[in-house]
Amino acid sequence: MSFDDDSKIQLTQNKSKSMGLIIGLVIAVGAAAFFAGMYASNMNSNQISQEDLDDAIAKLELKILQNRLPTNQPSEPVKISADDDPIIGNPNAPIAIIEFSDFQCPFCARFHVQTLPLLLEEYIEQGKVKLVFRDFPIQSIHPNALPAAVAAECANEQGQFKAMHDMLFDNQNQWSKQETDVALSIFTQYATEIQLDQNTFDSCLTSGKYIEEIRNDLEDGRSYDVTGTPGFFIGNDDIGYVELKGAQPFESFKKVIDAQLEA
């Protein structure tokens, strides 16, 4: 999406409204300083097929990856909290991908563009996997990450988290380098495009009501040794979680998910 001359004029006309929004969001932006401190199987070697061998290797790799995660109780599966954050997919899916993400992070956008569509097609839309989105805005280098996270939470109130999530990542280059007041105007236009109730969205955006929720996500991520975005934990409380760091290709997710679904 690109702005034409009329849209630029509209942004200028909305400047006073933008400044009103930024005043309301000052609590959120001020909180940035608080944020920034910032299976091996039994095998008969005479009879095993290549498929069985690949399956055994995948399960062994899964176990090795799980054992890399720190835990105070080595005998228990590692548990990663999904909190009450937005979910893409069936909430009852057996496997969760818990993503700690920053809307202004270019690597997070790369995951959104290159990998998530394949995960949606093969696993999420089939009800096998759900994506839990947790906020990890790195305000020291991404000053618009926090207001973008608030915008997504506000859209989630109206049942449109994925729509706003997609708008933010698809158009990251449009708002990421803008001054925050301009970015906020763009977010309100996104809200219009995805047919949110505008007054409800604007009120939510300026209230700072999701600051505590975002702070909790950030603190949880740090407790799991998340140091950059995107960061992923794949699994469930019964079998534990495997960690993947960075914008990994689809094949990395597939290897872990397939082994977990067969476990």
Protein backbone atom coordinates (compact mmCIF):
# COMPACT_ATOMS: atom_id res chain seq x y z
CA MET A 1 0.00 0.00 0.00
CA SER A 2 1.39 3.43 -0.84
CA PHE A 3 0.15 6.89 -0.02
CA ASP A 4 -0.86 9.15 -2.91
CA ASP A 5 -0.90 12.95 -2.71
CA ASP A 6 -4.44 12.99 -1.32
CA SER A 7 -3.43 10.62 1.45
CA LYS A 8 -0.47 12.84 2.34
CA ILE A 9 -2.80 15.84 2.53
CA GLN A 10 -5.10 13.78 4.76
CA LEU A 11 -2.19 12.97 7.05
CA THR A 12 -1.40 16.69 7.28
CA GLN A 13 -5.00 17.48 8.07
CA ASN A 14 -5.01 14.78 10.72
CA LYS A 15 -1.90 16.23 12.40
CA SER A 16 -3.87 17.75 15.25
CA LYS A 17 -5.62 14.45 15.81
CA SER A 18 -2.25 12.70 15.66
CA MET A 19 -0.83 15.00 18.29
CA GLY A 20 -3.82 14.23 20.47
CA LEU A 21 -3.08 10.55 20.07
CA ILE A 22 0.59 10.97 20.87
CA ILE A 23 -0.24 12.88 24.03
CA GLY A 24 -2.47 10.02 25.09
CA LEU A 25 0.26 7.53 24.29
CA VAL A 26 3.00 9.38 26.19
CA ILE A 27 2.52 7.03 29.13
CA ALA A 28 3.16 4.09 26.83
CA VAL A 29 6.19 5.62 25.18
CA GLY A 30 7.53 6.69 28.54
CA ALA A 31 7.29 3.10 29.64
CA ALA A 32 9.89 2.26 27.00
CA ALA A 33 12.60 3.09 29.51
CA PHE A 34 11.12 0.43 31.74
CA PHE A 35 11.11 -2.07 28.87
CA ALA A 36 14.53 -1.21 27.39
CA GLY A 37 16.93 -2.09 30.16
CA MET A 38 16.06 -4.10 28.06
CA TYR A 39 13.64 -39.90 21.24
CA ALA A 40 15.57 -42.59 20.06
CA SER A 41 13.40 -45.64 19.03
CA ASN A 42 14.08 -49.37 19.32
CA MET A 43 15.50 -50.33 15.91
CA ASN A 44 16.35 -53.58 14.21
CA SER A 45 19.29 -52.69 11.98
CA ASN A 46 18.46 -55.55 9.61
CA GLN A 47 14.88 -54.45 9.00
CA ILE A 48 14.69 -50.68 9.48
CA SER A 49 13.45 -48.66 6.52
CA GLN A 50 14.73 -45.23 5.51
CA GLU A 51 11.43 -43.75 6.71
CA ASP A 52 11.84 -45.37 10.14
CA LEU A 53 15.43 -44.18 10.32
CA ASP A 54 14.45 -40.61 9.46
CA ASP A 55 11.68 -40.72 12.07
CA ALA A 56 14.08 -41.99 14.75
CA ILE A 57 16.65 -39.31 13.91
CA ALA A 58 13.98 -36.59 14.05
CA LYS A 59 12.85 -37.74 17.49
CA LEU A 60 16.42 -37.85 18.74
CA GLU A 61 17.06 -34.32 17.43
CA LEU A 62 13.86 -33.19 19.14
CA LYS A 63 15.02 -34.61 22.47
CA ILE A 64 18.42 -32.93 22.11
CA LEU A 65 16.78 -29.57 21.35
CA GLN A 66 14.44 -29.89 24.33
CA ASN A 67 17.35 -30.63 26.63
CA ARG A 68 18.97 -27.34 25.67
CA LEU A 69 16.25 -25.38 27.41
CA PRO A 70 17.08 -24.50 31.04
CA THR A 71 14.85 -25.96 33.74
CA ASN A 72 15.09 -26.34 37.50
CA GLN A 73 13.45 -29.75 37.25
CA PRO A 74 15.25 -31.74 34.55
CA SER A 75 12.81 -34.65 34.86
CA GLU A 76 9.83 -32.44 33.99
CA PRO A 77 8.95 -31.06 30.53
CA VAL A 78 9.89 -27.41 30.11
CA LYS A 79 6.79 -25.20 30.22
CA ILE A 80 6.47 -21.89 28.38
CA SER A 81 3.51 -19.70 29.27
CA ALA A 82 1.13 -18.66 26.52
CA ASP A 83 -0.39 -16.16 28.97
CA ASP A 84 -3.70 -14.89 27.54
CA ASP A 85 -2.17 -13.52 24.36
CA PRO A 86 -3.71 -13.46 20.87
CA ILE A 87 -3.92 -16.79 19.07
CA ILE A 88 -3.85 -17.41 15.32
CA GLY A 89 -5.50 -20.76 14.60
CA ASN A 90 -7.53 -23.23 16.63
CA PRO A 91 -7.03 -22.56 20.36
CA ASN A 92 -7.35 -26.34 20.94
CA ALA A 93 -4.60 -27.30 18.49
CA PRO A 94 -2.25 -29.89 20.07
CA ILE A 95 0.98 -28.01 19.28
CA ALA A 96 1.66 -24.35 20.01
CA ILE A 97 4.21 -22.03 18.47
CA ILE A 98 4.74 -19.33 21.08
CA GLU A 99 6.36 -16.40 19.30
CA PHE A 100 8.04 -13.48 21.05
CA SER A 101 8.02 -10.75 18.43
CA ASP A 102 8.58 -7.06 17.69
CA PHE A 103 6.42 -5.46 14.99
CA GLN A 104 9.26 -3.15 13.92
CA CYS A 105 11.84 -5.95 13.68
CA PRO A 106 12.76 -6.69 10.03
CA PHE A 107 13.53 -10.33 10.82
CA CYS A 108 10.07 -10.72 12.35
CA ALA A 109 8.62 -9.32 9.12
CA ARG A 110 10.72 -11.82 7.16
CA PHE A 111 9.19 -14.67 9.18
CA HIS A 112 5.74 -13.24 8.50
CA VAL A 113 6.33 -13.02 4.76
CA GLN A 114 8.39 -16.15 4.08
CA THR A 115 7.57 -18.76 6.72
CA LEU A 116 4.21 -18.07 8.34
CA PRO A 117 2.18 -18.60 5.13
CA LEU A 118 3.62 -22.13 4.82
CA LEU A 119 2.91 -22.86 8.49
CA LEU A 120 -0.65 -21.60 8.00
CA GLU A 121 -1.21 -23.83 4.99
CA GLU A 122 0.30 -27.04 6.32
CA TYR A 123 -0.41 -26.90 10.05
CA ILE A 124 -2.40 -23.97 11.42
CA GLU A 125 -5.33 -24.08 9.01
CA GLN A 126 -5.45 -27.87 9.47
CA GLY A 127 -5.97 -27.43 13.23
CA LYS A 128 -2.66 -29.09 14.12
CA VAL A 129 -0.80 -26.01 15.33
CA LYS A 130 -1.70 -22.64 16.81
CA LEU A 131 0.47 -19.52 16.88
CA VAL A 132 0.49 -17.59 20.16
CA PHE A 133 1.79 -14.05 19.65
CA ARG A 134 3.62 -12.48 22.60
CA ASP A 135 5.05 -8.98 22.48
CA PHE A 136 8.77 -8.32 22.85
CA PRO A 137 9.24 -4.70 21.70
CA ILE A 138 12.91 -3.70 21.72
CA GLN A 139 12.34 0.00 22.26
CA SER A 140 16.02 0.95 22.33
CA ILE A 141 16.29 0.35 18.57
CA HIS A 142 12.61 0.19 17.52
CA PRO A 143 10.81 3.26 18.94
CA ASN A 144 7.54 2.47 17.14
CA ALA A 145 7.42 -1.16 18.27
CA LEU A 146 5.51 -0.42 21.46
CA PRO A 147 2.72 1.67 19.88
CA ALA A 148 2.43 -0.96 17.14
CA ALA A 149 2.02 -3.65 19.80
CA VAL A 150 -0.68 -1.56 21.46
CA ALA A 151 -2.45 -1.14 18.11
CA ALA A 152 -2.48 -4.92 17.62
CA GLU A 153 -3.82 -5.49 21.14
CA CYS A 154 -6.55 -2.92 20.51
CA ALA A 155 -7.51 -4.67 17.27
CA ASN A 156 -7.61 -7.94 19.19
CA GLU A 157 -10.31 -6.43 21.40
CA GLN A 158 -12.52 -6.35 18.32
CA GLY A 159 -11.56 -9.83 17.13
CA GLN A 160 -9.23 -8.54 14.42
CA PHE A 161 -5.75 -9.31 15.76
CA LYS A 162 -4.58 -11.22 12.70
CA ALA A 163 -5.83 -8.52 10.36
CA MET A 164 -3.87 -5.83 12.20
CA HIS A 165 -0.87 -8.17 12.66
CA ASP A 166 -0.80 -8.65 8.88
CA MET A 167 -1.22 -4.94 8.14
CA LEU A 168 1.65 -4.02 10.43
CA PHE A 169 4.09 -6.57 9.02
CA ASP A 170 3.03 -6.23 5.38
CA ASN A 171 3.49 -2.47 5.55
CA GLN A 172 6.37 -2.28 8.01
CA ASN A 173 8.45 -0.08 5.70
CA GLN A 174 5.63 2.45 5.60
CA TRP A 175 5.49 3.26 9.32
CA SER A 176 8.66 1.95 10.94
CA LYS A 177 10.86 4.97 10.15
CA GLN A 178 8.18 7.59 10.79
CA GLU A 179 7.88 9.87 13.77
CA THR A 180 5.59 8.24 16.31
CA ASP A 181 2.73 10.67 15.77
CA VAL A 182 2.74 9.88 12.04
CA ALA A 183 2.94 6.14 12.77
CA LEU A 184 -0.10 6.48 15.02
CA SER A 185 -2.06 8.17 12.23
CA ILE A 186 -1.14 5.29 9.95
CA PHE A 187 -2.32 2.78 12.55
CA THR A 188 -5.68 4.52 12.78
CA GLN A 189 -5.98 4.28 8.99
CA TYR A 190 -5.23 0.56 9.20
CA ALA A 191 -8.04 0.30 11.75
CA THR A 192 -10.39 1.92 9.23
CA GLU A 193 -9.26 -0.44 6.47
CA ILE A 194 -9.93 -3.54 8.54
CA GLN A 195 -13.31 -2.08 9.56
CA LEU A 196 -12.75 -1.64 13.27
CA ASP A 197 -14.96 0.68 15.28
CA GLN A 198 -12.80 3.79 14.99
CA ASN A 199 -13.75 5.51 18.25
CA THR A 200 -13.22 2.34 20.26
CA PHE A 201 -9.85 1.72 18.62
CA ASP A 202 -8.62 5.31 19.06
CA SER A 203 -9.67 5.33 22.70
CA CYS A 204 -7.86 2.05 23.31
CA LEU A 205 -4.74 3.22 21.48
CA THR A 206 -4.37 6.36 23.58
CA SER A 207 -5.32 4.88 26.95
CA GLY A 208 -2.16 2.90 27.68
CA LYS A 209 -4.37 0.05 28.93
CA TYR A 210 -2.15 -2.68 27.45
CA ILE A 211 1.16 -1.43 28.80
CA GLU A 212 1.10 -3.87 31.70
CA GLU A 213 0.22 -6.77 29.40
CA ILE A 214 3.10 -5.94 27.07
CA ARG A 215 5.46 -5.52 30.02
CA ASN A 216 4.47 -8.98 31.28
CA ASP A 217 5.22 -10.47 27.86
CA LEU A 218 8.62 -8.80 27.84
CA GLU A 219 9.48 -10.02 31.34
CA ASP A 220 8.35 -13.57 30.53
CA GLY A 221 10.49 -13.55 27.39
CA ARG A 222 13.51 -12.45 29.37
CA SER A 223 12.88 -15.19 31.92
CA TYR A 224 13.05 -17.70 29.03
CA ASP A 225 16.35 -16.16 27.87
CA VAL A 226 14.86 -14.44 24.84
CA THR A 227 17.44 -11.84 23.84
CA GLY A 228 16.30 -10.97 20.31
CA THR A 229 13.36 -11.30 17.97
CA PRO A 230 11.76 -13.33 16.68
CA GLY A 231 12.05 -16.08 19.26
CA PHE A 232 9.95 -19.25 19.14
CA PHE A 233 9.03 -22.06 21.52
CA ILE A 234 7.29 -25.04 19.90
CA GLY A 235 5.41 -27.77 21.78
CA ASN A 236 3.01 -28.08 24.69
CA ASP A 237 3.16 -28.52 28.46
CA ASP A 238 3.03 -32.32 28.25
CA ILE A 239 5.96 -32.89 25.90
CA GLY A 240 7.86 -29.68 26.59
CA TYR A 241 9.06 -27.03 24.16
CA VAL A 242 11.81 -26.68 21.59
CA GLU A 243 13.34 -23.25 21.09
CA LEU A 244 14.09 -21.77 17.68
CA LYS A 245 15.85 -18.42 17.45
CA GLY A 246 15.52 -15.97 14.60
CA ALA A 247 13.68 -16.01 11.27
CA GLN A 248 14.18 -19.71 10.68
CA PRO A 249 13.06 -21.29 7.38
CA PHE A 250 9.92 -23.38 7.19
CA GLU A 251 11.97 -26.60 7.16
CA SER A 252 13.27 -25.91 10.68
CA PHE A 253 9.73 -25.61 12.02
CA LYS A 254 8.54 -28.62 10.04
CA LYS A 255 11.21 -30.90 11.47
CA VAL A 256 10.26 -30.04 15.04
CA ILE A 257 6.48 -30.03 14.52
CA ASP A 258 6.36 -33.34 12.64
CA ALA A 259 8.41 -35.06 15.35
CA GLN A 260 6.15 -33.63 18.08
CA LEU A 261 2.95 -34.63 16.30
CA GLU A 262 4.26 -38.19 16.05
CA ALA A 263 5.56 -38.34 19.61
